[in-house]
N, C-alpha and C. Protein backbone atom coordinates (compact mmCIF):
# COMPACT_ATOMS: atom_id res chain seq x y z
N MET A 1 0.70 -1.03 0.06
CA MET A 1 0.15 0.16 -0.01
C MET A 1 0.92 1.28 0.00
N ALA A 2 0.46 2.40 -0.81
CA ALA A 2 1.15 3.39 -1.02
C ALA A 2 1.19 4.07 0.38
N ARG A 3 2.49 5.05 0.73
CA ARG A 3 2.28 5.85 1.75
C ARG A 3 1.81 7.37 1.49
N PRO A 4 0.73 7.78 2.11
CA PRO A 4 0.48 8.91 2.08
C PRO A 4 1.35 10.04 1.60
N SER A 5 1.02 10.97 1.01
CA SER A 5 2.17 12.15 0.62
C SER A 5 2.42 13.08 1.76
N ARG A 6 3.62 13.41 2.50
CA ARG A 6 3.67 14.42 3.23
C ARG A 6 3.47 15.91 2.62
N HIS A 7 3.24 16.10 1.41
CA HIS A 7 2.91 17.33 0.95
C HIS A 7 1.49 17.63 0.92
N PRO A 8 1.13 18.69 0.99
CA PRO A 8 -0.21 18.95 0.83
C PRO A 8 -1.01 18.75 -0.49
N LEU A 9 -2.15 18.50 -0.68
CA LEU A 9 -2.41 18.51 -1.79
C LEU A 9 -2.77 19.70 -2.65
N GLU A 10 -2.81 21.00 -2.61
CA GLU A 10 -2.90 22.12 -3.37
C GLU A 10 -1.54 22.05 -3.60
N LEU A 11 -0.17 21.95 -3.42
CA LEU A 11 1.39 22.09 -3.79
C LEU A 11 1.22 21.30 -4.90
N ARG A 12 0.53 20.11 -4.64
CA ARG A 12 0.55 18.82 -5.68
C ARG A 12 0.20 19.55 -6.98
N ARG A 13 -1.24 19.71 -6.62
CA ARG A 13 -2.08 20.60 -7.71
C ARG A 13 -1.20 21.34 -8.70
N ARG A 14 -0.74 22.18 -8.11
CA ARG A 14 0.02 23.30 -8.55
C ARG A 14 1.28 22.94 -9.13
N ALA A 15 1.88 22.26 -8.66
CA ALA A 15 3.00 21.25 -9.35
C ALA A 15 2.93 20.87 -10.67
N VAL A 16 1.81 20.01 -10.46
CA VAL A 16 1.22 19.40 -11.78
C VAL A 16 0.98 20.49 -13.15
N ARG A 17 0.39 21.58 -12.68
CA ARG A 17 -0.07 22.54 -13.31
C ARG A 17 1.47 23.36 -14.12
N MET A 18 2.20 23.45 -13.31
CA MET A 18 3.73 24.22 -13.45
C MET A 18 4.25 23.50 -14.46
N VAL A 19 4.34 22.08 -14.65
CA VAL A 19 5.11 21.00 -15.08
C VAL A 19 4.29 21.32 -16.66
N ALA A 20 2.80 21.47 -16.79
CA ALA A 20 2.22 21.53 -18.02
C ALA A 20 2.77 22.74 -18.59
N GLU A 21 2.96 24.21 -17.65
CA GLU A 21 2.96 25.46 -18.35
C GLU A 21 4.37 25.45 -18.80
N VAL A 22 5.38 24.81 -18.32
CA VAL A 22 6.96 24.94 -18.45
C VAL A 22 7.43 23.97 -19.31
N ARG A 23 6.66 23.09 -19.81
CA ARG A 23 7.10 21.55 -20.57
C ARG A 23 7.91 21.86 -21.77
N ASP A 24 7.05 23.22 -22.73
CA ASP A 24 7.49 23.43 -23.91
C ASP A 24 8.54 24.31 -23.67
N ASP A 25 9.19 24.85 -22.63
CA ASP A 25 10.05 25.82 -22.19
C ASP A 25 11.50 24.78 -22.45
N HIS A 26 11.17 23.72 -21.99
CA HIS A 26 12.36 22.84 -21.73
C HIS A 26 12.44 21.73 -23.02
N PRO A 27 14.15 21.49 -23.00
CA PRO A 27 14.57 20.32 -24.10
C PRO A 27 13.88 19.01 -23.55
N ASN A 28 13.39 18.56 -22.55
CA ASN A 28 12.90 17.17 -22.15
C ASN A 28 12.23 17.28 -20.72
N GLU A 29 11.55 16.35 -20.74
CA GLU A 29 10.64 16.37 -19.39
C GLU A 29 11.41 16.67 -18.14
N THR A 30 12.66 16.07 -18.19
CA THR A 30 13.29 15.42 -16.74
C THR A 30 13.84 17.35 -16.50
N ALA A 31 14.26 18.04 -17.40
CA ALA A 31 14.41 19.25 -17.19
C ALA A 31 13.47 20.24 -16.87
N ALA A 32 12.11 20.53 -17.20
CA ALA A 32 10.83 20.92 -16.67
C ALA A 32 10.68 20.33 -15.46
N LEU A 33 10.56 19.18 -15.08
CA LEU A 33 10.71 18.91 -13.78
C LEU A 33 11.56 19.32 -12.48
N GLN A 34 12.80 19.49 -13.04
CA GLN A 34 13.90 19.81 -12.19
C GLN A 34 13.54 21.39 -12.08
N THR A 35 13.03 22.18 -12.84
CA THR A 35 12.68 23.51 -12.75
C THR A 35 11.54 23.52 -11.68
N VAL A 36 10.22 22.88 -12.20
CA VAL A 36 9.60 23.09 -11.02
C VAL A 36 9.96 22.53 -9.63
N THR A 37 10.62 21.39 -9.34
CA THR A 37 11.18 20.90 -8.43
C THR A 37 12.11 21.80 -7.37
N ASP A 38 13.20 22.71 -8.18
CA ASP A 38 13.71 23.74 -7.41
C ASP A 38 12.72 24.81 -7.13
N LYS A 39 11.82 25.01 -7.69
CA LYS A 39 10.92 26.38 -7.80
C LYS A 39 10.01 26.44 -6.47
N LEU A 40 9.53 24.99 -6.10
CA LEU A 40 8.41 24.60 -5.26
C LEU A 40 9.13 24.38 -3.90
N GLY A 41 10.41 23.53 -3.76
CA GLY A 41 11.19 23.02 -2.70
C GLY A 41 10.57 21.42 -2.85
N ILE A 42 10.13 20.69 -3.89
CA ILE A 42 9.82 19.20 -3.76
C ILE A 42 11.04 18.74 -3.44
N SER A 43 10.97 17.50 -2.66
CA SER A 43 12.01 16.48 -2.42
C SER A 43 12.46 16.12 -3.45
N SER A 44 11.93 15.80 -4.33
CA SER A 44 12.89 15.08 -5.57
C SER A 44 11.89 15.05 -6.76
N ARG A 45 12.84 14.87 -7.88
CA ARG A 45 12.33 15.15 -9.17
C ARG A 45 11.21 13.84 -9.59
N GLU A 46 11.35 12.57 -8.78
CA GLU A 46 10.58 11.47 -8.94
C GLU A 46 9.23 11.41 -8.18
N THR A 47 9.41 12.39 -7.17
CA THR A 47 8.06 12.56 -6.52
C THR A 47 7.36 13.42 -7.38
N LEU A 48 7.75 14.34 -8.26
CA LEU A 48 7.06 15.11 -8.99
C LEU A 48 6.49 14.51 -10.08
N ARG A 49 7.39 13.43 -10.49
CA ARG A 49 7.07 12.58 -11.74
C ARG A 49 6.01 11.77 -11.43
N ASN A 50 5.71 10.93 -10.00
CA ASN A 50 4.84 10.40 -10.08
C ASN A 50 3.51 11.18 -9.92
N TRP A 51 3.48 12.33 -9.15
CA TRP A 51 2.57 13.58 -9.37
C TRP A 51 1.95 13.32 -10.75
N VAL A 52 2.81 13.71 -11.73
CA VAL A 52 2.30 14.06 -12.95
C VAL A 52 1.56 12.71 -13.74
N LYS A 53 1.95 11.80 -13.40
CA LYS A 53 1.44 10.57 -14.03
C LYS A 53 0.08 10.41 -14.06
């Protein structure tokens, strides 16, 4: 069973929207995820990647 996220739901929603907005400005998905991770202080790109899926 998956562990509940320690990040608030609103942060997760905002992060997913931000990835969608910046994806075209970056050469690949990893770069877009890293940009959003850095801006929002999320623990890792993998965490954000799972939210976007």
